[in-house]
Structures are given as C-alpha cells and as structure tokens.
Amino acid sequence: PTAHWVDLLADHMPAAPVLGLDQALDNPFLERTGAIVPAPHPDMAGMRALASPVRLDGVRPPVQAAPLLGADTD
C-alpha cells in the first residue's frame, strides 16, 4: 500500500503519495495553503480546481474553465 512506501522512504528521501483529483480536493493541507481555488464554470456552480503550482512574480495565474464543447466551432 502507498502508506508502506511513504513510511519506508521517509527517512531516506522526500516522499509523498500521488493523489487523485478527488483526494487532492479533499486534502486539508492543500486547502490551507490556497492550492484549491474556485473555478468559474457556466454549467457547474461551485466547481473547485487545483491552482497552478507556478507563480509569476509571486502570483499564480488565474483559473478559468475550458471552452464548452463546440464553443470554438464555426
């Protein structure tokens, strides 16, 4: 299991589990550090997303929804 490997590696190298999106959005650490942000979406009110880990001049780029299916189709 994941916990076994994280415990085994913890004293030898940085190690952390890889989280699925549902696990990441329920992670208290990510919530506290501002890594979970509201994501505006025209069809899904209250949608949340993971913020970009990249910061430009100390600021993360804004989160925006992808175009709806067919929005860019002529």
N, C-alpha and C. Protein backbone atom coordinates (compact mmCIF):
# COMPACT_ATOMS: atom_id res chain seq x y z
N PRO A 1 0.83 -1.21 0.00
CA PRO A 1 0.00 0.00 0.00
C PRO A 1 0.87 1.27 0.00
N THR A 2 0.32 2.35 -0.41
CA THR A 2 1.04 3.62 -0.50
C THR A 2 1.68 4.01 0.82
N ALA A 3 0.93 3.89 1.91
CA ALA A 3 1.45 4.30 3.23
C ALA A 3 2.72 3.54 3.58
N HIS A 4 2.81 2.28 3.21
CA HIS A 4 4.01 1.48 3.48
C HIS A 4 5.23 2.11 2.81
N TRP A 5 5.09 2.47 1.52
CA TRP A 5 6.22 3.02 0.78
C TRP A 5 6.60 4.41 1.26
N VAL A 6 5.61 5.22 1.59
CA VAL A 6 5.91 6.56 2.11
C VAL A 6 6.67 6.44 3.41
N ASP A 7 6.23 5.56 4.31
CA ASP A 7 6.94 5.34 5.59
C ASP A 7 8.34 4.80 5.36
N LEU A 8 8.49 3.85 4.46
CA LEU A 8 9.78 3.23 4.19
C LEU A 8 10.79 4.25 3.63
N LEU A 9 10.33 5.12 2.76
CA LEU A 9 11.23 6.07 2.10
C LEU A 9 11.44 7.36 2.90
N ALA A 10 10.59 7.62 3.88
CA ALA A 10 10.58 8.91 4.59
C ALA A 10 11.93 9.29 5.18
N ASP A 11 12.69 8.35 5.70
CA ASP A 11 13.98 8.67 6.31
C ASP A 11 15.13 8.76 5.31
N HIS A 12 14.85 8.46 4.05
CA HIS A 12 15.91 8.39 3.06
C HIS A 12 15.81 9.43 1.95
N MET A 13 14.60 9.90 1.67
CA MET A 13 14.39 10.87 0.60
C MET A 13 13.01 11.49 0.75
N PRO A 14 12.78 12.64 0.13
CA PRO A 14 11.44 13.21 0.17
C PRO A 14 10.47 12.25 -0.51
N ALA A 15 9.38 11.97 0.14
CA ALA A 15 8.40 11.04 -0.43
C ALA A 15 7.01 11.45 0.00
N ALA A 16 6.08 11.38 -0.91
CA ALA A 16 4.68 11.68 -0.62
C ALA A 16 3.83 10.90 -1.61
N PRO A 17 2.62 10.59 -1.23
CA PRO A 17 1.75 9.86 -2.16
C PRO A 17 1.31 10.75 -3.32
N VAL A 18 1.03 10.13 -4.43
CA VAL A 18 0.43 10.83 -5.57
C VAL A 18 -1.08 10.72 -5.37
N LEU A 19 -1.74 11.87 -5.30
CA LEU A 19 -3.17 11.89 -5.03
C LEU A 19 -3.98 11.98 -6.32
N GLY A 20 -5.12 11.34 -6.31
CA GLY A 20 -6.09 11.52 -7.39
C GLY A 20 -6.76 12.87 -7.20
N LEU A 21 -7.47 13.36 -8.19
CA LEU A 21 -8.10 14.67 -8.09
C LEU A 21 -9.08 14.73 -6.92
N ASP A 22 -9.88 13.70 -6.74
CA ASP A 22 -10.85 13.70 -5.63
C ASP A 22 -10.13 13.75 -4.28
N GLN A 23 -9.02 13.04 -4.14
CA GLN A 23 -8.24 13.08 -2.90
C GLN A 23 -7.59 14.45 -2.70
N ALA A 24 -7.07 15.03 -3.76
CA ALA A 24 -6.42 16.33 -3.66
C ALA A 24 -7.41 17.42 -3.25
N LEU A 25 -8.62 17.37 -3.80
CA LEU A 25 -9.62 18.38 -3.47
C LEU A 25 -10.16 18.23 -2.05
N ASP A 26 -9.91 17.09 -1.42
CA ASP A 26 -10.31 16.87 -0.02
C ASP A 26 -9.12 16.97 0.93
N ASN A 27 -7.97 17.43 0.46
CA ASN A 27 -6.76 17.47 1.26
C ASN A 27 -6.70 18.77 2.08
N PRO A 28 -6.71 18.67 3.42
CA PRO A 28 -6.70 19.87 4.27
C PRO A 28 -5.46 20.74 4.05
N PHE A 29 -4.31 20.13 3.79
CA PHE A 29 -3.09 20.91 3.57
C PHE A 29 -3.24 21.79 2.33
N LEU A 30 -3.74 21.22 1.26
CA LEU A 30 -3.92 21.99 0.03
C LEU A 30 -4.95 23.10 0.22
N GLU A 31 -5.97 22.83 1.00
CA GLU A 31 -6.98 23.85 1.30
C GLU A 31 -6.35 25.01 2.07
N ARG A 32 -5.57 24.69 3.11
CA ARG A 32 -4.94 25.72 3.95
C ARG A 32 -3.94 26.57 3.18
N THR A 33 -3.25 25.97 2.23
CA THR A 33 -2.20 26.70 1.51
C THR A 33 -2.72 27.43 0.27
N GLY A 34 -4.01 27.39 0.04
CA GLY A 34 -4.59 28.11 -1.09
C GLY A 34 -4.42 27.42 -2.42
N ALA A 35 -4.10 26.14 -2.40
CA ALA A 35 -3.90 25.40 -3.65
C ALA A 35 -5.21 24.90 -4.25
N ILE A 36 -6.31 25.03 -3.50
CA ILE A 36 -7.63 24.69 -4.02
C ILE A 36 -8.39 26.00 -4.18
N VAL A 37 -8.86 26.26 -5.40
CA VAL A 37 -9.48 27.55 -5.70
C VAL A 37 -10.83 27.34 -6.39
N PRO A 38 -11.72 28.33 -6.28
CA PRO A 38 -12.96 28.24 -7.05
C PRO A 38 -12.63 28.31 -8.54
N ALA A 39 -13.37 27.57 -9.33
CA ALA A 39 -13.15 27.55 -10.77
C ALA A 39 -14.45 27.94 -11.46
N PRO A 40 -14.54 29.16 -11.96
CA PRO A 40 -15.78 29.59 -12.61
C PRO A 40 -16.11 28.71 -13.80
N HIS A 41 -17.35 28.24 -13.85
CA HIS A 41 -17.79 27.38 -14.94
C HIS A 41 -19.26 27.68 -15.20
N PRO A 42 -19.65 27.89 -16.45
CA PRO A 42 -21.03 28.27 -16.74
C PRO A 42 -22.07 27.19 -16.41
N ASP A 43 -21.68 25.93 -16.41
CA ASP A 43 -22.64 24.85 -16.16
C ASP A 43 -22.48 24.17 -14.81
N MET A 44 -21.42 24.48 -14.08
CA MET A 44 -21.15 23.78 -12.82
C MET A 44 -20.84 24.79 -11.71
N ALA A 45 -21.87 25.31 -11.08
CA ALA A 45 -21.68 26.27 -9.99
C ALA A 45 -20.94 25.59 -8.84
N GLY A 46 -20.05 26.33 -8.20
CA GLY A 46 -19.32 25.79 -7.05
C GLY A 46 -18.17 24.87 -7.40
N MET A 47 -17.78 24.83 -8.66
CA MET A 47 -16.67 23.95 -9.06
C MET A 47 -15.37 24.44 -8.43
N ARG A 48 -14.55 23.50 -7.99
CA ARG A 48 -13.24 23.82 -7.42
C ARG A 48 -12.18 23.13 -8.26
N ALA A 49 -10.98 23.71 -8.25
CA ALA A 49 -9.87 23.16 -9.03
C ALA A 49 -8.58 23.35 -8.24
N LEU A 50 -7.54 22.70 -8.71
CA LEU A 50 -6.22 22.90 -8.13
C LEU A 50 -5.56 24.08 -8.82
N ALA A 51 -5.02 24.99 -8.02
CA ALA A 51 -4.33 26.15 -8.57
C ALA A 51 -3.02 25.70 -9.20
N SER A 52 -2.53 26.51 -10.09
CA SER A 52 -1.24 26.23 -10.70
C SER A 52 -0.14 26.29 -9.64
N PRO A 53 0.80 25.36 -9.67
CA PRO A 53 1.91 25.43 -8.73
C PRO A 53 2.92 26.51 -9.13
N VAL A 54 2.79 27.03 -10.34
CA VAL A 54 3.71 28.05 -10.85
C VAL A 54 3.25 29.43 -10.38
N ARG A 55 4.21 30.24 -9.96
CA ARG A 55 3.92 31.62 -9.58
C ARG A 55 4.81 32.54 -10.42
N LEU A 56 4.21 33.57 -10.96
CA LEU A 56 4.95 34.57 -11.73
C LEU A 56 4.93 35.86 -10.93
N ASP A 57 6.10 36.32 -10.53
CA ASP A 57 6.21 37.48 -9.65
C ASP A 57 5.38 37.28 -8.38
N GLY A 58 5.37 36.05 -7.87
CA GLY A 58 4.66 35.74 -6.63
C GLY A 58 3.17 35.52 -6.78
N VAL A 59 2.65 35.56 -7.99
CA VAL A 59 1.22 35.43 -8.23
C VAL A 59 0.94 34.21 -9.11
N ARG A 60 -0.05 33.42 -8.71
CA ARG A 60 -0.45 32.28 -9.53
C ARG A 60 -1.34 32.78 -10.67
N PRO A 61 -1.23 32.17 -11.85
CA PRO A 61 -2.14 32.54 -12.94
C PRO A 61 -3.58 32.21 -12.55
N PRO A 62 -4.55 32.97 -13.06
CA PRO A 62 -5.95 32.71 -12.71
C PRO A 62 -6.43 31.38 -13.27
N VAL A 63 -7.39 30.79 -12.57
CA VAL A 63 -8.01 29.55 -13.03
C VAL A 63 -9.21 29.93 -13.88
N GLN A 64 -9.34 29.31 -15.02
CA GLN A 64 -10.51 29.55 -15.86
C GLN A 64 -10.96 28.24 -16.48
N ALA A 65 -12.24 28.17 -16.74
CA ALA A 65 -12.81 26.96 -17.33
C ALA A 65 -12.40 26.84 -18.79
N ALA A 66 -12.32 25.62 -19.24
CA ALA A 66 -12.06 25.38 -20.66
C ALA A 66 -13.32 25.76 -21.45
N PRO A 67 -13.18 26.05 -22.73
CA PRO A 67 -14.38 26.34 -23.54
C PRO A 67 -15.34 25.15 -23.53
N LEU A 68 -16.62 25.45 -23.56
CA LEU A 68 -17.62 24.38 -23.64
C LEU A 68 -17.51 23.66 -24.98
N LEU A 69 -17.96 22.44 -25.02
CA LEU A 69 -17.92 21.65 -26.24
C LEU A 69 -18.60 22.41 -27.38
N GLY A 70 -17.88 22.63 -28.44
CA GLY A 70 -18.42 23.32 -29.61
C GLY A 70 -18.30 24.83 -29.57
N ALA A 71 -17.80 25.39 -28.47
CA ALA A 71 -17.73 26.85 -28.36
C ALA A 71 -16.83 27.49 -29.40
N ASP A 72 -15.82 26.78 -29.86
CA ASP A 72 -14.89 27.33 -30.84
C ASP A 72 -15.11 26.76 -32.23
N THR A 73 -16.26 26.15 -32.44
CA THR A 73 -16.58 25.55 -33.73
C THR A 73 -17.33 26.53 -34.60
N ASP A 74 -16.96 26.63 -35.84
CA ASP A 74 -17.70 27.50 -36.78
C ASP A 74 -19.01 26.84 -37.17
